[in-house]
Structures are given as C-alpha cells and as structure tokens.
C-alpha cells in the first residue's frame, strides 16, 4: 500500500509540474478504483474526484470517512440517464455530462425538490461520434438558451470527450473548437482532456482535466 501511495504522489507531482503554467482543476478519475485509491489520492493532495457508475458511485462516496467525504468535491463525468438523476443531484458538486434539454429539465426538477442549485456542464459531441453522447455544436445555442431559463441548475461551462487517437492535429482542432464555443457563449469552465491528451487540451484552453490511468497506475 505504501508503494502504491507513493506512486500516486509521484504521478501527481509529475502532472502538476507539467500543467502548472495553466493552473487547471485536476479531477482524479476514480471510477475504476476503490476507496483505498481515492484515499491515496486525497493524501497526495487531490480534492476532486470523478465518478460515473450510479448508484454505486454514491455508495462508494458515502463510505468514505466523514472528514475526507466533506473535504472533497465529486464530479459526475459519465453518461447520466434520466431515471438515475435522483442519484446524481445533490451528491455531485458538478455534473459534466448533461447532453440534452430533457436531462437538464429532470435535473432542475430534482434540484428544486431538494432546495438546491445543481452546477452543470453541457457535454458537446463536436467529433460527431455516433457511439458517444453529447450535443451537436449546431444545437448548442438553442440548448443553452433553454437551460438558462431553468431554475435549480447553474450552467457554468462545457465538456467534451475527444476521440481516442494519436492524431494531434485532429485533437487540437476539436479542443480549439470547444474553446471557441465556451468563449462565444461566455461560459467559465471547459472540461476536456484525459490521460492521453490533456496537454493538448490545456494548450487549447481547458480549465478542468480528468486524469485516471496516468495518476493511479
């Protein structure tokens, strides 16, 4: 355990050195790892954790020691089905993967019953990948207009999941487009970039990066 903990700390230091000039929020993608690995990351200094499997993620988060639980922020980074909104709203500080007006409306309704405001990002599928969820860039203006009218939700930015590819030019183009969309609609946060492409994402203006494998392995 000590060796693993040291490795997480070493990995984090390397990542922090690489990204220091950008000063992004680093979300530790803990969805494939148990609470023991979350605690290692916490002890290394991380306070933001990304999960996706509901309701298992909520059970895992709730099993953390009270002191750690209350000191961390939790991010829902996976696809959210409408029938699982009840597990997400209020449990996660930020929902990254809102991919439709309908889903935003369900989140709004649940947040209003809890008397809270749920922060969200809109997921954009600007690579036009059929197997991935997300809003087409051409539909984004209308979606933002409708979501902005909803009570109980606060839209603070955009998110995308880039294709798994070594084509740097393609990734750069997609990330640049996401930054342009964020700026066009005057949003604050841009969640993009994972273990294989976060440096490219940061060069294009990412404010939140989601790191799993490169941190924990």
Protein backbone atom coordinates (compact mmCIF):
# COMPACT_ATOMS: atom_id res chain seq x y z
CA UNK A 1 0.00 0.00 0.00
CA UNK A 2 2.82 2.39 0.88
CA UNK A 3 4.42 1.83 -2.52
CA UNK A 4 1.16 2.49 -4.34
CA UNK A 5 0.52 5.60 -2.28
CA UNK A 6 3.98 6.91 -3.08
CA UNK A 7 3.39 6.18 -6.76
CA UNK A 8 0.17 8.22 -6.78
CA UNK A 9 2.03 11.08 -5.12
CA UNK A 10 4.90 10.81 -7.61
CA UNK A 11 2.49 10.67 -10.54
CA UNK A 12 0.60 13.70 -9.26
CA UNK A 13 3.79 15.73 -8.84
CA UNK A 14 4.80 14.97 -12.43
CA UNK A 15 1.37 16.01 -13.71
CA UNK A 16 1.34 19.16 -11.59
CA UNK A 17 4.77 20.14 -12.91
CA UNK A 18 3.56 19.69 -16.48
CA UNK A 19 0.36 21.71 -16.02
CA UNK A 20 1.46 24.36 -13.52
CA UNK A 21 1.50 27.23 -16.03
CA UNK A 22 -2.14 26.51 -16.93
CA UNK A 23 -3.38 26.07 -13.34
CA UNK A 24 -6.29 23.73 -14.22
CA UNK A 25 -8.50 21.85 -11.82
CA UNK A 26 -7.33 18.23 -11.81
CA UNK A 27 -10.16 15.74 -11.40
CA UNK A 28 -8.91 12.32 -10.31
CA UNK A 29 -10.95 9.81 -12.31
CA UNK A 30 -11.60 7.31 -9.54
CA UNK A 31 -14.47 5.44 -11.22
CA UNK A 32 -12.40 2.29 -11.82
CA UNK A 33 -10.77 2.33 -8.39
CA UNK A 34 -11.85 1.64 -4.83
CA UNK A 35 -11.95 3.98 -1.87
CA UNK A 36 -8.42 2.92 -0.88
CA UNK A 37 -7.08 4.52 -4.06
CA UNK A 38 -9.24 7.61 -3.51
CA UNK A 39 -7.72 7.97 -0.05
CA UNK A 40 -4.22 7.68 -1.55
CA UNK A 41 -5.05 10.48 -3.97
CA UNK A 42 -6.56 12.52 -1.15
CA UNK A 43 -3.41 12.08 0.94
CA UNK A 44 -1.39 13.20 -2.09
CA UNK A 45 -3.37 16.44 -2.08
CA UNK A 46 -6.23 15.91 -4.55
CA UNK A 47 -9.73 17.01 -3.60
CA UNK A 48 -11.72 16.48 -6.83
CA UNK A 49 -12.88 13.01 -7.86
CA UNK A 50 -14.68 11.83 -10.99
CA UNK A 51 -17.21 9.01 -10.93
CA UNK A 52 -19.77 7.62 -13.38
CA UNK A 53 -21.49 4.43 -12.26
CA UNK A 54 -24.69 5.23 -10.39
CA UNK A 55 -25.80 4.41 -7.73
CA UNK A 56 -22.55 2.54 -6.98
CA UNK A 57 -20.60 5.80 -7.08
CA UNK A 58 -22.82 7.35 -4.41
CA UNK A 59 -22.38 4.31 -2.18
CA UNK A 60 -18.60 4.50 -2.61
CA UNK A 61 -18.51 8.22 -1.85
CA UNK A 62 -20.73 7.79 1.21
CA UNK A 63 -18.43 5.04 2.54
CA UNK A 64 -15.53 7.46 2.85
CA UNK A 65 -14.53 8.72 6.26
CA UNK A 66 -16.64 11.76 7.20
CA UNK A 67 -13.65 14.09 7.32
CA UNK A 68 -12.48 13.08 3.83
CA UNK A 69 -16.02 12.96 2.44
CA UNK A 70 -16.79 16.52 3.48
CA UNK A 71 -13.43 17.85 2.28
CA UNK A 72 -13.80 16.70 -1.34
CA UNK A 73 -15.69 17.66 -4.48
CA UNK A 74 -17.34 14.99 -6.60
CA UNK A 75 -17.78 15.16 -10.36
CA UNK A 76 -20.18 13.04 -12.41
CA UNK A 77 -18.30 12.50 -15.66
CA UNK A 78 -20.19 9.58 -17.22
CA UNK A 79 -23.46 9.41 -19.13
CA UNK A 80 -26.44 10.20 -16.92
CA UNK A 81 -29.75 8.51 -17.64
CA UNK A 82 -32.92 10.40 -16.72
CA UNK A 83 -34.03 7.63 -14.38
CA UNK A 84 -30.81 7.99 -12.35
CA UNK A 85 -30.97 11.76 -11.87
CA UNK A 86 -32.14 11.17 -8.29
CA UNK A 87 -28.75 9.59 -7.53
CA UNK A 88 -26.78 12.48 -9.00
CA UNK A 89 -28.39 15.74 -7.95
CA UNK A 90 -27.07 16.96 -4.63
CA UNK A 91 -24.48 14.19 -4.42
CA UNK A 92 -22.17 15.65 -7.05
CA UNK A 93 -20.77 19.17 -6.92
CA UNK A 94 -20.64 19.26 -10.72
CA UNK A 95 -22.38 17.15 -13.36
CA UNK A 96 -20.21 17.26 -16.50
CA UNK A 97 -22.33 15.14 -18.81
CA UNK A 98 -25.65 16.94 -19.41
CA UNK A 99 -26.38 16.10 -23.02
CA UNK A 100 -29.96 17.26 -23.64
CA UNK A 101 -32.58 19.81 -22.66
CA UNK A 102 -34.70 16.95 -21.33
CA UNK A 103 -31.95 15.79 -18.96
CA UNK A 104 -31.30 19.34 -17.76
CA UNK A 105 -35.02 19.69 -17.04
CA UNK A 106 -35.02 16.49 -14.96
CA UNK A 107 -32.03 17.78 -13.01
CA UNK A 108 -33.81 21.11 -12.49
CA UNK A 109 -36.92 19.40 -11.11
CA UNK A 110 -34.93 17.24 -8.70
CA UNK A 111 -32.80 20.19 -7.53
CA UNK A 112 -35.91 22.25 -6.84
CA UNK A 113 -37.39 19.48 -4.67
CA UNK A 114 -34.13 19.50 -2.66
CA UNK A 115 -34.00 23.27 -2.47
CA UNK A 116 -30.54 23.43 -4.06
CA UNK A 117 -28.87 24.70 -7.21
CA UNK A 118 -27.03 21.99 -9.14
CA UNK A 119 -23.99 23.10 -11.15
CA UNK A 120 -23.77 21.51 -14.59
CA UNK A 121 -21.73 21.41 -17.79
CA UNK A 122 -23.18 20.67 -21.22
CA UNK A 123 -21.49 17.76 -22.99
CA UNK A 124 -20.72 18.57 -26.62
CA UNK A 125 -20.06 15.87 -29.22
CA UNK A 126 -18.10 18.03 -31.64
CA UNK A 127 -16.31 15.00 -33.11
CA UNK A 128 -19.72 13.74 -34.27
CA UNK A 129 -19.05 10.23 -32.97
CA UNK A 130 -22.16 8.08 -33.16
CA UNK A 131 -21.16 5.96 -30.17
CA UNK A 132 -20.81 8.98 -27.88
CA UNK A 133 -23.41 11.15 -26.22
CA UNK A 134 -23.43 14.91 -26.48
CA UNK A 135 -24.99 17.93 -28.09
CA UNK A 136 -24.05 18.86 -31.65
CA UNK A 137 -22.38 22.28 -31.84
CA UNK A 138 -25.20 23.45 -34.16
CA UNK A 139 -27.72 22.75 -31.38
CA UNK A 140 -25.74 24.34 -28.59
CA UNK A 141 -27.15 27.87 -28.84
CA UNK A 142 -30.74 26.65 -28.51
CA UNK A 143 -29.82 24.25 -25.69
CA UNK A 144 -28.04 26.97 -23.72
CA UNK A 145 -30.99 29.31 -24.23
CA UNK A 146 -33.44 26.74 -22.84
CA UNK A 147 -31.24 25.57 -19.96
CA UNK A 148 -30.55 29.16 -18.91
CA UNK A 149 -34.26 29.61 -18.24
CA UNK A 150 -34.38 26.69 -15.80
CA UNK A 151 -34.39 27.17 -12.06
CA UNK A 152 -32.35 24.91 -9.81
CA UNK A 153 -29.49 24.49 -12.29
CA UNK A 154 -26.47 26.66 -12.94
CA UNK A 155 -24.76 26.19 -16.29
CA UNK A 156 -21.07 27.01 -15.80
CA UNK A 157 -19.40 25.51 -18.85
CA UNK A 158 -18.91 22.81 -21.46
CA UNK A 159 -17.37 19.34 -21.61
CA UNK A 160 -16.26 17.01 -24.35
CA UNK A 161 -14.73 13.56 -24.69
CA UNK A 162 -12.26 13.54 -27.56
CA UNK A 163 -11.71 10.50 -29.81
CA UNK A 164 -9.04 8.03 -28.70
CA UNK A 165 -6.48 8.85 -31.37
CA UNK A 166 -2.83 9.81 -31.90
CA UNK A 167 -3.87 12.41 -34.47
CA UNK A 168 -2.65 15.55 -32.69
CA UNK A 169 -3.97 17.87 -35.39
CA UNK A 170 -7.46 16.43 -35.05
CA UNK A 171 -7.40 16.70 -31.27
CA UNK A 172 -6.11 20.26 -31.44
CA UNK A 173 -8.86 21.23 -33.88
CA UNK A 174 -11.58 19.70 -31.70
CA UNK A 175 -10.25 21.27 -28.50
CA UNK A 176 -9.85 24.66 -30.19
CA UNK A 177 -13.46 24.45 -31.34
CA UNK A 178 -14.59 23.73 -27.78
CA UNK A 179 -12.71 26.77 -26.52
CA UNK A 180 -14.31 28.90 -29.22
CA UNK A 181 -17.77 27.68 -28.14
CA UNK A 182 -17.02 28.42 -24.49
CA UNK A 183 -15.93 31.93 -25.34
CA UNK A 184 -18.82 32.53 -27.74
CA UNK A 185 -21.37 31.74 -25.03
CA UNK A 186 -19.33 33.45 -22.29
CA UNK A 187 -19.04 30.37 -20.06
CA UNK A 188 -16.43 29.89 -17.36
CA UNK A 189 -15.37 26.24 -17.35
CA UNK A 190 -14.14 23.89 -20.07
CA UNK A 191 -13.73 20.24 -19.07
CA UNK A 192 -11.64 18.39 -21.63
CA UNK A 193 -8.50 16.31 -21.75
CA UNK A 194 -7.72 12.94 -20.20
CA UNK A 195 -4.58 10.90 -19.55
CA UNK A 196 -3.62 10.61 -23.23
CA UNK A 197 -4.41 14.14 -24.43
CA UNK A 198 -4.59 16.59 -21.50
CA UNK A 199 -1.52 18.56 -22.62
CA UNK A 200 -3.15 19.30 -25.98
CA UNK A 201 -6.41 20.20 -24.23
CA UNK A 202 -4.62 22.62 -21.91
CA UNK A 203 -2.93 24.33 -24.85
CA UNK A 204 -6.42 24.90 -26.25
CA UNK A 205 -7.84 26.40 -23.04
CA UNK A 206 -9.12 23.57 -20.85
CA UNK A 207 -9.84 24.65 -17.27
CA UNK A 208 -10.63 21.15 -15.96
CA UNK A 209 -8.74 17.97 -16.89
CA UNK A 210 -9.84 14.43 -16.00
CA UNK A 211 -6.94 12.11 -15.13
CA UNK A 212 -7.28 8.45 -14.22
CA UNK A 213 -4.73 5.99 -15.61
CA UNK A 214 -1.78 8.39 -15.56
CA UNK A 215 -2.45 9.20 -11.92
CA UNK A 216 -3.31 5.80 -10.45
CA UNK A 217 -1.16 3.38 -12.50
